[in-house]
Amino acid sequence: MVIELNRTFDKRKSEIENTVKEFIKKYNIDLSQTIIDNIVIHLSLCVSREINGSYIHTSESQIHHLKHHEYYIVAKEIILSLEDKFEVSIDKAKSQITSVKVVEYAGETEGYGLDLIEGKATNEKAKTFYDKVLKGKLAIKDVEGVDTATGATITSKGIIEAIQQAIEKVNAILVPNKDGFYEIKTNGFGGENQPMTVLVKVKGDNVTVKVKEYAGETEGYGLDLIEGKTTNEKAKAFYDKYLKSSFKKKDIEGVDTATGATMTTKGIVEAIEKAIAAAQ
C-alpha cells in the first residue's frame, strides 16, 4: 500500500494543483505560476509522506508562529479540502469512523489484498473485514478488536494501523467542550501511565484552569498543590495564581514551576499553553 508509482503521484499532484488554484481564485491572491508550482510540489510531497507514514512533525512553536501569518486561513482551507480527498473520515462527536478509503494499493496482490480492498474477496473473513471497515461505519472503540486474519493479513493490518494513526491525530486536535473548556491530557508525576486531565477555558484574554484527574500525583507534593493544601510557599503561590482563580494569558509566560512539585506544575503549564495556542 505504501508503494507509490509515478503515475499515482502525478495524478495526486494534478488534483492538488486544481485545489490550490481554486482557493487562490476564491481569495483573489496574485501568485506567479512558479510560486504555485512550488506550493503544489511541497503539498504533494507532504500528502505522500502522510499516506506512507513518514510525515515530518511540526513543533508547537512553529505551528503557533504560522497561525499568525496573513494567509493561514487560506492554507488551512486548502489542507482541509485535501484531507477530504486523501484521509480517513472520523466523526469525533459520535466516536465513529465514517469512511475509510484506500487511495493507493499498487503493491497489493490480486486474489488477496487487492480483492479485499475492492470488495471482490470470496474469503469470508476478508468479506467481513471489507463490510465492517471499508464499506460501513465503525465505532472507534471497535477498531482494536477487528480481526485482521483475512487471508490478506498484511493488507488488513496496514489498513487498521492507518485508521489508528488517524484516530490519534483527531484526538490530538483540541476542541472546547460545551462549557468552553479544552480537556487536555498532560503528564505530571504519574507520567504516561497516570496522566493528569486538565480543563482550560480561554475567553478573550482570561484563562481559567481546573485539574480534573490527578490520581498519579503524590500526596504532600503535586496532589496537595492541586487541592490547595500545600504548605510550600512557591506551590501555594502557583495555586493562588493559576488554579484558584482566572488569570491573564500573558501571566503564563515565564512562570516559575519550581514549586516542590515541578513535574505537576510543568504538566499543568504545558496544558495551559496548548489551550492558549489552540484558541488563537
Protein backbone atom coordinates (compact mmCIF):
# COMPACT_ATOMS: atom_id res chain seq x y z
CA MET A 1 0.00 0.00 0.00
CA VAL A 2 2.89 2.36 0.64
CA ILE A 3 4.41 1.71 -2.80
CA GLU A 4 3.80 4.76 -4.93
CA LEU A 5 4.09 4.76 -8.72
CA ASN A 6 4.98 7.89 -10.70
CA ARG A 7 1.54 7.95 -12.33
CA THR A 8 -0.11 7.88 -8.88
CA PHE A 9 1.98 10.81 -7.67
CA ASP A 10 1.29 12.77 -10.88
CA LYS A 11 -2.46 12.15 -10.59
CA ARG A 12 -2.46 13.39 -7.00
CA LYS A 13 -0.28 16.39 -7.94
CA SER A 14 -2.82 17.35 -10.58
CA GLU A 15 -5.69 17.17 -8.07
CA ILE A 16 -3.71 19.26 -5.57
CA GLU A 17 -2.93 21.88 -8.22
CA ASN A 18 -6.62 22.20 -9.04
CA THR A 19 -7.45 22.61 -5.34
CA VAL A 20 -4.74 25.25 -4.80
CA LYS A 21 -5.88 27.25 -7.85
CA GLU A 22 -9.49 27.06 -6.67
CA PHE A 23 -8.62 28.76 -3.37
CA ILE A 24 -6.24 31.26 -4.96
CA LYS A 25 -9.11 32.33 -7.20
CA LYS A 26 -11.59 32.34 -4.30
CA TYR A 27 -9.43 34.74 -2.25
CA ASN A 28 -8.16 36.70 -5.27
CA ILE A 29 -4.48 36.11 -4.41
CA ASP A 30 -1.94 37.16 -7.04
CA LEU A 31 0.78 34.49 -7.36
CA SER A 32 3.16 33.67 -10.17
CA GLN A 33 2.99 30.21 -11.78
CA THR A 34 6.44 29.45 -10.32
CA ILE A 35 5.18 30.04 -6.76
CA ILE A 36 2.05 27.97 -7.45
CA ASP A 37 4.23 25.13 -8.81
CA ASN A 38 6.37 25.24 -5.64
CA ILE A 39 3.28 25.12 -3.39
CA VAL A 40 1.84 22.19 -5.35
CA ILE A 41 5.10 20.20 -5.25
CA HIS A 42 5.51 20.73 -1.49
CA LEU A 43 1.90 19.80 -0.79
CA SER A 44 2.18 16.70 -2.99
CA LEU A 45 5.25 15.56 -1.08
CA CYS A 46 3.51 16.27 2.24
CA VAL A 47 0.49 14.16 1.27
CA SER A 48 2.78 11.33 0.09
CA ARG A 49 4.64 11.37 3.41
CA GLU A 50 1.33 11.37 5.30
CA ILE A 51 -0.03 8.41 3.35
CA ASN A 52 3.23 6.48 3.66
CA GLY A 53 3.59 7.19 7.40
CA SER A 54 6.82 9.17 7.00
CA TYR A 55 5.44 12.62 7.79
CA ILE A 56 7.66 15.22 9.50
CA HIS A 57 6.41 16.55 12.84
CA THR A 58 5.99 20.30 13.30
CA SER A 59 6.76 21.78 16.71
CA GLU A 60 4.16 23.65 18.79
CA SER A 61 6.17 26.89 18.44
CA GLN A 62 6.28 26.57 14.62
CA ILE A 63 2.51 26.00 14.47
CA HIS A 64 1.92 28.94 16.82
CA HIS A 65 4.07 31.16 14.56
CA LEU A 66 2.29 30.03 11.37
CA LYS A 67 -1.13 30.80 12.84
CA HIS A 68 -0.22 34.50 12.76
CA HIS A 69 0.55 34.52 9.03
CA GLU A 70 -1.87 36.55 6.90
CA TYR A 71 -2.62 33.54 4.63
CA TYR A 72 -3.01 30.97 7.44
CA ILE A 73 -6.81 30.78 6.98
CA VAL A 74 -6.41 30.14 3.24
CA ALA A 75 -3.76 27.47 3.85
CA LYS A 76 -5.99 25.80 6.45
CA GLU A 77 -8.92 25.66 4.00
CA ILE A 78 -6.67 24.10 1.33
CA ILE A 79 -5.45 21.43 3.78
CA LEU A 80 -8.97 20.62 4.96
CA SER A 81 -10.03 20.23 1.34
CA LEU A 82 -7.10 17.88 0.66
CA GLU A 83 -7.89 15.86 3.80
CA ASP A 84 -11.34 15.21 2.37
CA LYS A 85 -9.66 13.71 -0.70
CA PHE A 86 -6.97 11.61 0.95
CA GLU A 87 -7.71 10.75 4.60
CA VAL A 88 -9.83 8.60 6.86
CA SER A 89 -13.01 10.45 7.90
CA ILE A 90 -13.77 10.48 11.63
CA ASP A 91 -16.77 11.90 13.46
CA LYS A 92 -15.22 12.68 16.83
CA ALA A 93 -18.54 13.72 18.38
CA LYS A 94 -20.07 10.30 17.61
CA SER A 95 -16.77 8.42 18.26
CA GLN A 96 -17.17 6.83 14.84
CA ILE A 97 -15.11 6.14 11.71
CA THR A 98 -17.45 7.34 8.98
CA SER A 99 -15.41 6.27 5.95
CA VAL A 100 -12.10 4.66 5.02
CA LYS A 101 -10.68 4.91 1.51
CA VAL A 102 -7.57 3.03 0.42
CA VAL A 103 -6.45 5.52 -2.20
CA GLU A 104 -3.35 3.64 -3.34
CA TYR A 105 -2.66 -0.07 -3.32
CA ALA A 106 -0.50 -0.86 -6.33
CA GLY A 107 1.59 -3.28 -4.23
CA GLU A 108 -1.37 -5.44 -3.18
CA THR A 109 -1.81 -8.91 -4.70
CA GLU A 110 -4.71 -9.92 -6.93
CA GLY A 111 -6.78 -12.60 -5.24
CA TYR A 112 -5.74 -11.38 -1.79
CA GLY A 113 -5.17 -7.78 -0.64
CA LEU A 114 -6.31 -6.18 -3.89
CA ASP A 115 -9.58 -8.15 -3.88
CA LEU A 116 -10.18 -7.33 -0.21
CA ILE A 117 -9.77 -3.59 -0.86
CA GLU A 118 -12.02 -3.63 -3.93
CA GLY A 119 -14.74 -5.70 -2.24
CA LYS A 120 -14.26 -8.68 -4.54
CA ALA A 121 -12.89 -11.16 -1.97
CA THR A 122 -14.53 -14.59 -1.68
CA ASN A 123 -12.81 -15.35 1.63
CA GLU A 124 -15.47 -14.93 4.34
CA LYS A 125 -13.13 -13.18 6.80
CA ALA A 126 -11.91 -10.81 4.09
CA LYS A 127 -15.53 -10.06 3.12
CA THR A 128 -16.40 -9.38 6.77
CA PHE A 129 -13.41 -7.04 7.08
CA TYR A 130 -14.43 -5.16 3.93
CA ASP A 131 -18.06 -4.81 5.05
CA LYS A 132 -17.11 -3.68 8.55
CA VAL A 133 -14.10 -1.46 7.88
CA LEU A 134 -14.18 -0.28 4.26
CA LYS A 135 -17.87 -0.34 3.39
CA GLY A 136 -19.64 0.54 6.63
CA LYS A 137 -19.19 2.78 9.65
CA LEU A 138 -17.06 1.63 12.55
CA ALA A 139 -17.11 2.73 16.19
CA ILE A 140 -13.68 3.95 17.33
CA LYS A 141 -13.82 1.62 20.35
CA ASP A 142 -14.21 -1.39 18.00
CA VAL A 143 -11.09 -0.71 15.89
CA GLU A 144 -8.71 -2.55 18.22
CA GLY A 145 -10.81 -5.72 18.12
CA VAL A 146 -11.06 -6.01 14.32
CA ASP A 147 -9.93 -9.44 13.09
CA THR A 148 -7.09 -8.93 10.59
CA ALA A 149 -6.62 -12.65 9.85
CA THR A 150 -8.34 -12.27 6.49
CA GLY A 151 -6.13 -14.25 4.13
CA ALA A 152 -4.59 -10.85 3.34
CA THR A 153 -3.27 -10.14 6.82
CA ILE A 154 -0.54 -7.67 5.90
CA THR A 155 -3.06 -5.61 3.93
CA SER A 156 -5.74 -5.62 6.63
CA LYS A 157 -3.18 -4.86 9.37
CA GLY A 158 -1.88 -1.93 7.33
CA ILE A 159 -5.41 -0.54 6.98
CA ILE A 160 -6.08 -0.84 10.72
CA GLU A 161 -2.75 0.85 11.52
CA ALA A 162 -3.67 3.74 9.20
CA ILE A 163 -7.04 4.09 10.97
CA GLN A 164 -5.34 4.09 14.38
CA GLN A 165 -2.94 6.81 13.23
CA ALA A 166 -5.91 8.88 12.03
CA ILE A 167 -7.65 8.43 15.39
CA GLU A 168 -4.52 9.61 17.22
CA LYS A 169 -4.39 12.75 15.07
CA VAL A 170 -8.06 13.52 15.62
CA ASN A 171 -7.68 13.02 19.37
CA ALA A 172 -4.76 15.44 19.33
CA ILE A 173 -6.93 18.22 17.87
CA LEU A 174 -8.10 20.47 20.69
CA VAL A 175 -11.76 21.43 20.58
CA PRO A 176 -13.51 23.09 23.55
CA ASN A 177 -16.40 21.21 25.18
CA LYS A 178 -19.93 22.64 25.58
CA ASP A 179 -18.78 24.61 28.62
CA GLY A 180 -15.90 26.18 26.68
CA PHE A 181 -13.11 24.16 28.31
CA TYR A 182 -10.31 22.40 26.42
CA GLU A 183 -9.83 18.96 28.01
CA ILE A 184 -6.13 18.09 27.81
CA LYS A 185 -4.20 15.03 28.92
CA THR A 186 -0.78 16.00 30.24
CA ASN A 187 1.96 14.19 32.11
CA GLY A 188 2.74 15.09 35.71
CA PHE A 189 4.44 12.93 38.34
CA GLY A 190 2.33 9.94 37.25
CA GLY A 191 3.81 10.09 33.74
CA GLU A 192 2.15 8.45 30.74
CA ASN A 193 0.59 5.67 32.86
CA GLN A 194 -1.38 8.11 35.03
CA PRO A 195 -1.59 11.43 33.19
CA MET A 196 -3.48 14.40 34.54
CA THR A 197 -6.61 15.71 32.82
CA VAL A 198 -6.56 19.50 32.82
CA LEU A 199 -9.54 21.66 31.80
CA VAL A 200 -8.60 25.06 30.37
CA LYS A 201 -11.02 27.78 29.28
CA VAL A 202 -9.67 30.69 27.23
CA LYS A 203 -12.13 33.57 26.97
CA GLY A 204 -10.62 36.68 25.41
CA ASP A 205 -7.56 37.49 27.49
CA ASN A 206 -8.71 35.47 30.52
CA VAL A 207 -7.76 31.87 31.33
CA THR A 208 -9.47 29.52 33.80
CA VAL A 209 -7.91 26.20 34.81
CA LYS A 210 -9.30 23.12 36.58
CA VAL A 211 -7.36 19.91 37.18
CA LYS A 212 -9.99 17.20 36.70
CA GLU A 213 -7.96 13.99 37.12
CA TYR A 214 -4.69 13.67 39.02
CA ALA A 215 -4.53 10.19 40.60
CA GLY A 216 -0.83 9.93 39.70
CA GLU A 217 0.18 12.98 41.72
CA THR A 218 1.83 12.49 45.11
CA GLU A 219 0.30 13.38 48.47
CA GLY A 220 2.34 16.12 50.13
CA TYR A 221 3.51 17.42 46.74
CA GLY A 222 1.54 17.60 43.46
CA LEU A 223 -1.73 16.38 44.95
CA ASP A 224 -1.60 18.98 47.74
CA LEU A 225 -0.71 21.72 45.25
CA ILE A 226 -3.71 20.88 43.04
CA GLU A 227 -6.10 20.75 46.01
CA GLY A 228 -4.77 23.97 47.54
CA LYS A 229 -3.50 22.24 50.69
CA THR A 230 0.21 22.79 50.15
CA THR A 231 2.42 24.48 52.75
CA ASN A 232 5.24 25.13 50.27
CA GLU A 233 5.24 28.89 49.56
CA LYS A 234 6.07 28.54 45.85
CA ALA A 235 3.44 25.83 45.37
CA LYS A 236 0.90 27.97 47.23
CA ALA A 237 1.74 30.95 45.01
CA PHE A 238 1.25 28.76 41.90
CA TYR A 239 -2.12 27.51 43.16
CA ASP A 240 -3.34 31.01 44.08
CA LYS A 241 -2.25 32.45 40.74
CA TYR A 242 -3.26 29.75 38.25
CA LEU A 243 -5.72 27.31 39.86
CA LYS A 244 -7.71 29.29 42.42
CA SER A 245 -8.97 31.96 40.04
CA SER A 246 -8.75 33.21 36.45
CA PHE A 247 -5.60 34.92 35.17
CA LYS A 248 -4.40 36.78 32.09
CA LYS A 249 -2.84 34.89 29.15
CA LYS A 250 0.38 36.87 29.41
CA ASP A 251 0.79 35.73 33.05
CA ILE A 252 1.75 32.20 31.97
CA GLU A 253 4.93 33.44 30.26
CA GLY A 254 8.00 32.78 32.40
CA VAL A 255 6.00 31.06 35.16
CA ASP A 256 8.12 29.53 37.94
CA THR A 257 7.44 25.77 38.00
CA ALA A 258 9.99 25.05 40.76
CA THR A 259 7.26 24.51 43.35
CA GLY A 260 8.43 21.35 45.11
CA ALA A 261 6.06 19.57 42.69
CA THR A 262 7.85 20.53 39.50
CA MET A 263 6.57 17.73 37.29
CA THR A 264 2.98 18.50 38.28
CA THR A 265 3.29 22.23 37.62
CA LYS A 266 5.15 21.70 34.33
CA GLY A 267 2.36 19.40 33.13
CA ILE A 268 -0.31 21.96 34.07
CA VAL A 269 1.58 24.80 32.37
CA GLU A 270 2.03 22.69 29.21
CA ALA A 271 -1.73 22.09 29.08
CA ILE A 272 -2.42 25.82 29.54
CA GLU A 273 0.00 26.73 26.73
CA LYS A 274 -1.62 24.20 24.38
CA ALA A 275 -5.09 25.59 25.09
CA ILE A 276 -3.97 29.19 24.56
CA ALA A 277 -2.33 28.24 21.24
CA ALA A 278 -5.48 26.34 20.13
CA ALA A 279 -7.74 29.27 20.98
CA GLN A 280 -5.84 31.76 18.81
